[in-house]
Amino acid sequence: MGRGSFKNFIKILGAFCLFLMTNAQSFAAIAFPNINIGMQGANTPQEFTQGVQVLILLTILTLAPSIIIMTTAFVRIVIVLTLTRQAIGTTTLPPSQVIIGLALILTFFVMSPTLSKINETAYQPYIKNQITQQAALDNAIKPVRTFMFKQTHDKELELFRNLAKLPKFKNPDSVPTYVLIPAFVLSELKTAFKIGFIIFLPFLVIDIVVASILVSMGMLFLPPTTIAMPFKLIMFVMVDGWYLITKSLIEGFVT
């Protein structure tokens, strides 16, 4: 993803998050108010309503990073990387800052096509006054919904449809965004833990073998994890673990 796409992504962050938190019908009646810093009494109901809108908008902007993270590939990537660190046994290496940083870099890489579509179909036409604000928001949500649909399982989508007491969806366009987002997050959690389980298996075998050898030698008071860690590190380096994990994660989103 180029530097221009990243800047454009930051600029449309607030508007996009506001759309995610509301459905199309309720948002159509709300326009972005002008923000003036100051304290004065509300003399009319319209002024009071504008003040409430400003408060809601500022609250949503505060939660914007969390909202964006939960609608991208970040959830799966950071969980898999964290579980990999725990499987190796190095609880503090790599540091959490490195894990999160790598997860963010891979997330921007995965989301690059989606961000490019948002820039081309929503942001650029809007700043050129070619489309309205509502049209820009509608165009911006479409690539994100397409990405989430590809990663969302039917079981999770059906769960939240039943909880929302909605009729069966005829097509993807009939699925409300407020139903799609939790289904997507739940699907990502399930997928991430499945991958984590597969990663844990070879390291678990090493722990069991080392523990069995120590017990057979009568070394009951020697922690098996201390002896097993070098072997796990050697195996992880020999198979080029970070390369394989990164490749699997990226291919899981691309395919």
C-alpha atoms as a PDB file:
ATOM      1  CA  MET A   1       0.000   0.000   0.000  1.00  0.00           C
ATOM      2  CA  GLY A   2       1.374   3.399  -1.009  1.00  0.00           C
ATOM      3  CA  ARG A   3       1.772   6.371   1.272  1.00  0.00           C
ATOM      4  CA  GLY A   4      -1.077   8.146  -0.471  1.00  0.00           C
ATOM      5  CA  SER A   5      -3.495   5.290   0.200  1.00  0.00           C
ATOM      6  CA  PHE A   6      -2.546   5.264   3.868  1.00  0.00           C
ATOM      7  CA  LYS A   7      -3.167   9.003   4.208  1.00  0.00           C
ATOM      8  CA  ASN A   8      -6.506   8.662   2.459  1.00  0.00           C
ATOM      9  CA  PHE A   9      -7.417   5.820   4.787  1.00  0.00           C
ATOM     10  CA  ILE A  10      -6.726   8.016   7.823  1.00  0.00           C
ATOM     11  CA  LYS A  11      -8.784  10.879   6.407  1.00  0.00           C
ATOM     12  CA  ILE A  12     -11.918   8.806   5.869  1.00  0.00           C
ATOM     13  CA  LEU A  13     -11.533   6.987   9.198  1.00  0.00           C
ATOM     14  CA  GLY A  14     -14.016   9.061  11.133  1.00  0.00           C
ATOM     15  CA  ALA A  15     -16.716   9.127   8.480  1.00  0.00           C
ATOM     16  CA  PHE A  16     -16.437   5.415   7.839  1.00  0.00           C
ATOM     17  CA  CYS A  17     -16.672   4.522  11.547  1.00  0.00           C
ATOM     18  CA  LEU A  18     -19.804   6.622  11.915  1.00  0.00           C
ATOM     19  CA  PHE A  19     -21.388   4.662   9.095  1.00  0.00           C
ATOM     20  CA  LEU A  20     -20.494   1.347  10.702  1.00  0.00           C
ATOM     21  CA  MET A  21     -22.168   2.315  13.965  1.00  0.00           C
ATOM     22  CA  THR A  22     -25.441   3.261  12.291  1.00  0.00           C
ATOM     23  CA  ASN A  23     -27.576   1.699   9.591  1.00  0.00           C
ATOM     24  CA  ALA A  24     -28.273   3.443   6.332  1.00  0.00           C
ATOM     25  CA  GLN A  25     -31.790   4.540   7.249  1.00  0.00           C
ATOM     26  CA  SER A  26     -30.927   6.279  10.506  1.00  0.00           C
ATOM     27  CA  PHE A  27     -27.765   7.852   9.114  1.00  0.00           C
ATOM     28  CA  ALA A  28     -29.553   9.375   6.156  1.00  0.00           C
ATOM     29  CA  ALA A  29     -31.279  11.844   8.450  1.00  0.00           C
ATOM     30  CA  ILE A  30     -28.063  12.935  10.214  1.00  0.00           C
ATOM     31  CA  ALA A  31     -25.625  15.364   8.645  1.00  0.00           C
ATOM     32  CA  PHE A  32     -22.191  16.200   9.966  1.00  0.00           C
ATOM     33  CA  PRO A  33     -22.589  19.391  12.015  1.00  0.00           C
ATOM     34  CA  ASN A  34     -20.135  22.266  12.063  1.00  0.00           C
ATOM     35  CA  ILE A  35     -17.918  22.030  15.153  1.00  0.00           C
ATOM     36  CA  ASN A  36     -17.266  25.253  17.024  1.00  0.00           C
ATOM     37  CA  ILE A  37     -15.290  25.167  20.268  1.00  0.00           C
ATOM     38  CA  GLY A  38     -17.224  27.066  22.904  1.00  0.00           C
ATOM     39  CA  MET A  39     -19.781  26.860  25.701  1.00  0.00           C
ATOM     40  CA  GLN A  40     -23.149  28.518  25.362  1.00  0.00           C
ATOM     41  CA  GLY A  41     -26.727  27.766  26.176  1.00  0.00           C
ATOM     42  CA  ALA A  42     -29.009  25.973  23.742  1.00  0.00           C
ATOM     43  CA  ASN A  43     -31.849  28.342  22.953  1.00  0.00           C
ATOM     44  CA  THR A  44     -33.668  26.110  20.491  1.00  0.00           C
ATOM     45  CA  PRO A  45     -34.231  22.342  20.151  1.00  0.00           C
ATOM     46  CA  GLN A  46     -32.205  22.406  16.933  1.00  0.00           C
ATOM     47  CA  GLU A  47     -29.141  23.757  18.752  1.00  0.00           C
ATOM     48  CA  PHE A  48     -29.499  21.092  21.434  1.00  0.00           C
ATOM     49  CA  THR A  49     -29.748  18.365  18.778  1.00  0.00           C
ATOM     50  CA  GLN A  50     -26.601  19.622  17.049  1.00  0.00           C
ATOM     51  CA  GLY A  51     -24.754  19.546  20.380  1.00  0.00           C
ATOM     52  CA  VAL A  52     -25.783  15.922  20.920  1.00  0.00           C
ATOM     53  CA  GLN A  53     -24.635  15.057  17.396  1.00  0.00           C
ATOM     54  CA  VAL A  54     -21.225  16.595  18.102  1.00  0.00           C
ATOM     55  CA  LEU A  55     -20.939  14.585  21.324  1.00  0.00           C
ATOM     56  CA  ILE A  56     -21.839  11.346  19.522  1.00  0.00           C
ATOM     57  CA  LEU A  57     -19.391  12.082  16.701  1.00  0.00           C
ATOM     58  CA  LEU A  58     -16.518  12.761  19.115  1.00  0.00           C
ATOM     59  CA  THR A  59     -17.311   9.551  20.997  1.00  0.00           C
ATOM     60  CA  ILE A  60     -17.258   7.533  17.780  1.00  0.00           C
ATOM     61  CA  LEU A  61     -13.960   9.108  16.719  1.00  0.00           C
ATOM     62  CA  THR A  62     -12.488   8.064  20.073  1.00  0.00           C
ATOM     63  CA  LEU A  63     -13.558   4.482  19.414  1.00  0.00           C
ATOM     64  CA  ALA A  64     -12.544   4.629  15.742  1.00  0.00           C
ATOM     65  CA  PRO A  65      -9.257   2.657  16.090  1.00  0.00           C
ATOM     66  CA  SER A  66     -11.032  -0.215  17.831  1.00  0.00           C
ATOM     67  CA  ILE A  67     -13.837  -0.231  15.265  1.00  0.00           C
ATOM     68  CA  ILE A  68     -11.398  -0.281  12.347  1.00  0.00           C
ATOM     69  CA  ILE A  69      -9.286  -3.022  13.960  1.00  0.00           C
ATOM     70  CA  MET A  70     -12.336  -5.236  14.440  1.00  0.00           C
ATOM     71  CA  THR A  71     -13.368  -4.941  10.792  1.00  0.00           C
ATOM     72  CA  THR A  72      -9.980  -5.809   9.285  1.00  0.00           C
ATOM     73  CA  ALA A  73      -7.540  -8.729   9.280  1.00  0.00           C
ATOM     74  CA  PHE A  74      -5.869  -7.507  12.472  1.00  0.00           C
ATOM     75  CA  VAL A  75      -7.821  -9.756  14.848  1.00  0.00           C
ATOM     76  CA  ARG A  76      -6.747 -13.034  13.247  1.00  0.00           C
ATOM     77  CA  ILE A  77      -3.165 -11.957  12.648  1.00  0.00           C
ATOM     78  CA  VAL A  78      -2.429 -10.669  16.155  1.00  0.00           C
ATOM     79  CA  ILE A  79      -3.991 -13.732  17.815  1.00  0.00           C
ATOM     80  CA  VAL A  80      -1.992 -16.165  15.671  1.00  0.00           C
ATOM     81  CA  LEU A  81       1.265 -14.302  16.281  1.00  0.00           C
ATOM     82  CA  THR A  82       0.619 -14.184  20.033  1.00  0.00           C
ATOM     83  CA  LEU A  83      -0.225 -17.885  20.186  1.00  0.00           C
ATOM     84  CA  THR A  84       2.962 -18.637  18.238  1.00  0.00           C
ATOM     85  CA  ARG A  85       5.028 -16.798  20.834  1.00  0.00           C
ATOM     86  CA  GLN A  86       3.336 -18.720  23.626  1.00  0.00           C
ATOM     87  CA  ALA A  87       3.815 -22.039  21.836  1.00  0.00           C
ATOM     88  CA  ILE A  88       7.550 -21.444  21.545  1.00  0.00           C
ATOM     89  CA  GLY A  89       7.676 -20.681  25.257  1.00  0.00           C
ATOM     90  CA  THR A  90       9.272 -17.235  25.041  1.00  0.00           C
ATOM     91  CA  THR A  91       6.580 -15.269  26.852  1.00  0.00           C
ATOM     92  CA  THR A  92       8.276 -11.890  26.345  1.00  0.00           C
ATOM     93  CA  LEU A  93      10.112 -12.432  23.058  1.00  0.00           C
ATOM     94  CA  PRO A  94       9.287 -11.009  20.608  1.00  0.00           C
ATOM     95  CA  PRO A  95       7.983  -8.100  22.728  1.00  0.00           C
ATOM     96  CA  SER A  96       4.316  -7.209  22.543  1.00  0.00           C
ATOM     97  CA  GLN A  97       5.176  -4.004  20.671  1.00  0.00           C
ATOM     98  CA  VAL A  98       6.857  -6.055  17.937  1.00  0.00           C
ATOM     99  CA  ILE A  99       3.924  -8.466  17.713  1.00  0.00           C
ATOM    100  CA  ILE A 100       1.399  -5.638  17.420  1.00  0.00           C
ATOM    101  CA  GLY A 101       3.597  -3.729  14.971  1.00  0.00           C
ATOM    102  CA  LEU A 102       4.011  -6.770  12.729  1.00  0.00           C
ATOM    103  CA  ALA A 103       0.276  -7.450  12.935  1.00  0.00           C
ATOM    104  CA  LEU A 104      -0.470  -3.868  11.852  1.00  0.00           C
ATOM    105  CA  ILE A 105       1.982  -4.057   8.940  1.00  0.00           C
ATOM    106  CA  LEU A 106       0.495  -7.323   7.717  1.00  0.00           C
ATOM    107  CA  THR A 107      -3.006  -5.903   8.196  1.00  0.00           C
ATOM    108  CA  PHE A 108      -2.241  -2.901   5.979  1.00  0.00           C
ATOM    109  CA  PHE A 109      -0.768  -5.279   3.399  1.00  0.00           C
ATOM    110  CA  VAL A 110      -3.883  -7.479   3.408  1.00  0.00           C
ATOM    111  CA  MET A 111      -6.275  -4.521   3.389  1.00  0.00           C
ATOM    112  CA  SER A 112      -4.410  -2.621   0.651  1.00  0.00           C
ATOM    113  CA  PRO A 113      -6.815  -3.633  -2.179  1.00  0.00           C
ATOM    114  CA  THR A 114      -9.804  -2.707  -0.028  1.00  0.00           C
ATOM    115  CA  LEU A 115      -8.296   0.678   0.873  1.00  0.00           C
ATOM    116  CA  SER A 116      -7.520   1.366  -2.767  1.00  0.00           C
ATOM    117  CA  LYS A 117     -11.146   0.710  -3.729  1.00  0.00           C
ATOM    118  CA  ILE A 118     -12.368   3.017  -0.966  1.00  0.00           C
ATOM    119  CA  ASN A 119     -10.021   5.721  -2.197  1.00  0.00           C
ATOM    120  CA  GLU A 120     -11.077   5.331  -5.831  1.00  0.00           C
ATOM    121  CA  THR A 121     -14.824   4.954  -5.401  1.00  0.00           C
ATOM    122  CA  ALA A 122     -15.521   7.052  -2.304  1.00  0.00           C
ATOM    123  CA  TYR A 123     -12.825   9.434  -1.108  1.00  0.00           C
ATOM    124  CA  GLN A 124     -11.507  10.865  -4.374  1.00  0.00           C
ATOM    125  CA  PRO A 125     -14.958  11.461  -5.931  1.00  0.00           C
ATOM    126  CA  TYR A 126     -16.164  13.062  -2.700  1.00  0.00           C
ATOM    127  CA  ILE A 127     -13.303  15.566  -2.360  1.00  0.00           C
ATOM    128  CA  LYS A 128     -13.800  16.438  -6.037  1.00  0.00           C
ATOM    129  CA  ASN A 129     -17.503  17.147  -5.344  1.00  0.00           C
ATOM    130  CA  GLN A 130     -18.566  14.443  -7.779  1.00  0.00           C
ATOM    131  CA  ILE A 131     -20.745  12.586  -5.247  1.00  0.00           C
ATOM    132  CA  THR A 132     -22.583  13.463  -2.076  1.00  0.00           C
ATOM    133  CA  GLN A 133     -21.527  12.617   1.456  1.00  0.00           C
ATOM    134  CA  GLN A 134     -24.073   9.819   1.752  1.00  0.00           C
ATOM    135  CA  ALA A 135     -22.977   8.346  -1.585  1.00  0.00           C
ATOM    136  CA  ALA A 136     -19.342   8.439  -0.444  1.00  0.00           C
ATOM    137  CA  LEU A 137     -20.212   6.552   2.730  1.00  0.00           C
ATOM    138  CA  ASP A 138     -22.223   3.991   0.770  1.00  0.00           C
ATOM    139  CA  ASN A 139     -19.343   3.470  -1.652  1.00  0.00           C
ATOM    140  CA  ALA A 140     -16.811   3.228   1.191  1.00  0.00           C
ATOM    141  CA  ILE A 141     -18.658   0.489   3.044  1.00  0.00           C
ATOM    142  CA  LYS A 142     -19.051  -1.787   0.019  1.00  0.00           C
ATOM    143  CA  PRO A 143     -15.383  -2.931  -0.254  1.00  0.00           C
ATOM    144  CA  VAL A 144     -15.223  -3.494   3.498  1.00  0.00           C
ATOM    145  CA  ARG A 145     -18.405  -5.558   3.457  1.00  0.00           C
ATOM    146  CA  THR A 146     -17.035  -7.601   0.547  1.00  0.00           C
ATOM    147  CA  PHE A 147     -13.875  -8.346   2.544  1.00  0.00           C
ATOM    148  CA  MET A 148     -15.832  -9.311   5.649  1.00  0.00           C
ATOM    149  CA  PHE A 149     -18.210 -11.555   3.709  1.00  0.00           C
ATOM    150  CA  LYS A 150     -15.282 -13.576   2.352  1.00  0.00           C
ATOM    151  CA  GLN A 151     -14.065 -14.338   5.893  1.00  0.00           C
ATOM    152  CA  THR A 152     -17.430 -14.759   7.637  1.00  0.00           C
ATOM    153  CA  HIS A 153     -18.849 -18.236   8.228  1.00  0.00           C
ATOM    154  CA  ASP A 154     -22.499 -18.963   7.510  1.00  0.00           C
ATOM    155  CA  LYS A 155     -23.001 -20.386  11.005  1.00  0.00           C
ATOM    156  CA  GLU A 156     -21.997 -17.148  12.732  1.00  0.00           C
ATOM    157  CA  LEU A 157     -24.037 -15.068  10.302  1.00  0.00           C
ATOM    158  CA  GLU A 158     -27.092 -17.221  10.981  1.00  0.00           C
ATOM    159  CA  LEU A 159     -26.528 -16.874  14.741  1.00  0.00           C
ATOM    160  CA  PHE A 160     -26.700 -13.093  14.727  1.00  0.00           C
ATOM    161  CA  ARG A 161     -29.569 -13.119  12.253  1.00  0.00           C
ATOM    162  CA  ASN A 162     -31.568 -15.186  14.736  1.00  0.00           C
ATOM    163  CA  LEU A 163     -30.522 -12.974  17.646  1.00  0.00           C
ATOM    164  CA  ALA A 164     -31.625  -9.899  15.712  1.00  0.00           C
ATOM    165  CA  LYS A 165     -34.890 -11.689  14.801  1.00  0.00           C
ATOM    166  CA  LEU A 166     -34.534 -10.881  11.129  1.00  0.00           C
ATOM    167  CA  PRO A 167     -35.931 -12.873   8.182  1.00  0.00           C
ATOM    168  CA  LYS A 168     -33.614 -15.009   6.110  1.00  0.00           C
ATOM    169  CA  PHE A 169     -31.260 -13.014   3.947  1.00  0.00           C
ATOM    170  CA  LYS A 170     -31.940 -13.242   0.226  1.00  0.00           C
ATOM    171  CA  ASN A 171     -28.480 -12.007  -0.815  1.00  0.00           C
ATOM    172  CA  PRO A 172     -25.393 -10.389   0.738  1.00  0.00           C
ATOM    173  CA  ASP A 173     -26.778  -6.905   0.122  1.00  0.00           C
ATOM    174  CA  SER A 174     -29.708  -7.660   2.426  1.00  0.00           C
ATOM    175  CA  VAL A 175     -27.409  -8.366   5.403  1.00  0.00           C
ATOM    176  CA  PRO A 176     -27.267  -5.315   7.710  1.00  0.00           C
ATOM    177  CA  THR A 177     -23.811  -4.107   8.651  1.00  0.00           C
ATOM    178  CA  TYR A 178     -24.572  -4.349  12.362  1.00  0.00           C
ATOM    179  CA  VAL A 179     -25.206  -8.078  11.852  1.00  0.00           C
ATOM    180  CA  LEU A 180     -22.212  -8.657   9.598  1.00  0.00           C
ATOM    181  CA  ILE A 181     -19.611  -7.103  11.921  1.00  0.00           C
ATOM    182  CA  PRO A 182     -20.122  -9.366  14.988  1.00  0.00           C
ATOM    183  CA  ALA A 183     -20.430 -12.417  12.724  1.00  0.00           C
ATOM    184  CA  PHE A 184     -17.136 -11.471  11.085  1.00  0.00           C
ATOM    185  CA  VAL A 185     -15.355 -10.959  14.422  1.00  0.00           C
ATOM    186  CA  LEU A 186     -16.610 -14.282  15.778  1.00  0.00           C
ATOM    187  CA  SER A 187     -15.530 -16.057  12.589  1.00  0.00           C
ATOM    188  CA  GLU A 188     -12.081 -14.493  12.805  1.00  0.00           C
ATOM    189  CA  LEU A 189     -11.703 -15.618  16.416  1.00  0.00           C
ATOM    190  CA  LYS A 190     -12.644 -19.178  15.490  1.00  0.00           C
ATOM    191  CA  THR A 191     -10.250 -19.242  12.540  1.00  0.00           C
ATOM    192  CA  ALA A 192      -7.405 -17.740  14.570  1.00  0.00           C
ATOM    193  CA  PHE A 193      -7.703 -20.328  17.342  1.00  0.00           C
ATOM    194  CA  LYS A 194      -7.858 -23.154  14.803  1.00  0.00           C
ATOM    195  CA  ILE A 195      -4.586 -21.947  13.311  1.00  0.00           C
ATOM    196  CA  GLY A 196      -3.130 -21.518  16.798  1.00  0.00           C
ATOM    197  CA  PHE A 197      -4.018 -25.105  17.688  1.00  0.00           C
ATOM    198  CA  ILE A 198      -2.202 -26.406  14.617  1.00  0.00           C
ATOM    199  CA  ILE A 199       0.848 -24.298  15.512  1.00  0.00           C
ATOM    200  CA  PHE A 200       0.836 -25.600  19.096  1.00  0.00           C
ATOM    201  CA  LEU A 201       0.884 -29.297  18.124  1.00  0.00           C
ATOM    202  CA  PRO A 202       4.586 -29.725  17.159  1.00  0.00           C
ATOM    203  CA  PHE A 203       5.739 -27.733  20.175  1.00  0.00           C
ATOM    204  CA  LEU A 204       3.487 -29.803  22.429  1.00  0.00           C
ATOM    205  CA  VAL A 205       5.089 -32.981  21.094  1.00  0.00           C
ATOM    206  CA  ILE A 206       8.534 -31.645  21.983  1.00  0.00           C
ATOM    207  CA  ASP A 207       7.356 -30.791  25.508  1.00  0.00           C
ATOM    208  CA  ILE A 208       5.919 -34.279  26.002  1.00  0.00           C
ATOM    209  CA  VAL A 209       9.073 -36.016  24.709  1.00  0.00           C
ATOM    210  CA  VAL A 210      11.374 -33.914  26.891  1.00  0.00           C
ATOM    211  CA  ALA A 211       9.161 -34.430  29.951  1.00  0.00           C
ATOM    212  CA  SER A 212       9.117 -38.202  29.375  1.00  0.00           C
ATOM    213  CA  ILE A 213      12.910 -38.343  29.068  1.00  0.00           C
ATOM    214  CA  LEU A 214      13.402 -36.325  32.245  1.00  0.00           C
ATOM    215  CA  VAL A 215      10.991 -38.549  34.190  1.00  0.00           C
ATOM    216  CA  SER A 216      12.684 -41.703  32.946  1.00  0.00           C
ATOM    217  CA  MET A 217      16.055 -40.296  34.068  1.00  0.00           C
ATOM    218  CA  GLY A 218      14.680 -39.440  37.494  1.00  0.00           C
ATOM    219  CA  MET A 219      15.032 -35.675  37.046  1.00  0.00           C
ATOM    220  CA  LEU A 220      11.627 -34.895  38.492  1.00  0.00           C
ATOM    221  CA  PHE A 221      12.541 -31.458  39.815  1.00  0.00           C
ATOM    222  CA  LEU A 222      14.007 -30.105  36.572  1.00  0.00           C
ATOM    223  CA  PRO A 223      11.387 -28.023  34.686  1.00  0.00           C
ATOM    224  CA  PRO A 224      10.769 -29.641  31.286  1.00  0.00           C
ATOM    225  CA  THR A 225      10.053 -26.253  29.697  1.00  0.00           C
ATOM    226  CA  THR A 226      13.593 -25.091  30.447  1.00  0.00           C
ATOM    227  CA  ILE A 227      15.089 -28.035  28.569  1.00  0.00           C
ATOM    228  CA  ALA A 228      12.493 -28.042  25.781  1.00  0.00           C
ATOM    229  CA  MET A 229      12.788 -24.355  24.870  1.00  0.00           C
ATOM    230  CA  PRO A 230      16.140 -24.623  23.011  1.00  0.00           C
ATOM    231  CA  PHE A 231      14.828 -27.564  20.993  1.00  0.00           C
ATOM    232  CA  LYS A 232      11.669 -25.658  20.098  1.00  0.00           C
ATOM    233  CA  LEU A 233      13.692 -22.637  19.047  1.00  0.00           C
ATOM    234  CA  ILE A 234      15.982 -24.780  16.895  1.00  0.00           C
ATOM    235  CA  MET A 235      13.037 -26.445  15.198  1.00  0.00           C
ATOM    236  CA  PHE A 236      11.288 -23.106  14.626  1.00  0.00           C
ATOM    237  CA  VAL A 237      14.394 -21.580  13.076  1.00  0.00           C
ATOM    238  CA  MET A 238      15.160 -24.621  10.905  1.00  0.00           C
ATOM    239  CA  VAL A 239      11.690 -24.652   9.337  1.00  0.00           C
ATOM    240  CA  ASP A 240      11.721 -20.829   8.981  1.00  0.00           C
ATOM    241  CA  GLY A 241       8.642 -20.514  11.170  1.00  0.00           C
ATOM    242  CA  TRP A 242       7.946 -16.802  10.813  1.00  0.00           C
ATOM    243  CA  TYR A 243       8.046 -17.114   7.022  1.00  0.00           C
ATOM    244  CA  LEU A 244       5.621 -20.037   7.004  1.00  0.00           C
ATOM    245  CA  ILE A 245       3.212 -18.420   9.462  1.00  0.00           C
ATOM    246  CA  THR A 246       3.211 -15.091   7.613  1.00  0.00           C
ATOM    247  CA  LYS A 247       2.726 -16.824   4.269  1.00  0.00           C
ATOM    248  CA  SER A 248      -0.170 -18.902   5.611  1.00  0.00           C
ATOM    249  CA  LEU A 249      -1.867 -15.863   7.141  1.00  0.00           C
ATOM    250  CA  ILE A 250      -1.619 -13.765   3.977  1.00  0.00           C
ATOM    251  CA  GLU A 251      -2.731 -16.598   1.719  1.00  0.00           C
ATOM    252  CA  GLY A 252      -5.704 -17.222   4.009  1.00  0.00           C
ATOM    253  CA  PHE A 253      -7.015 -13.763   3.177  1.00  0.00           C
ATOM    254  CA  VAL A 254      -5.980 -13.591  -0.461  1.00  0.00           C
ATOM    255  CA  THR A 255      -7.450 -16.916  -1.562  1.00  0.00           C
END
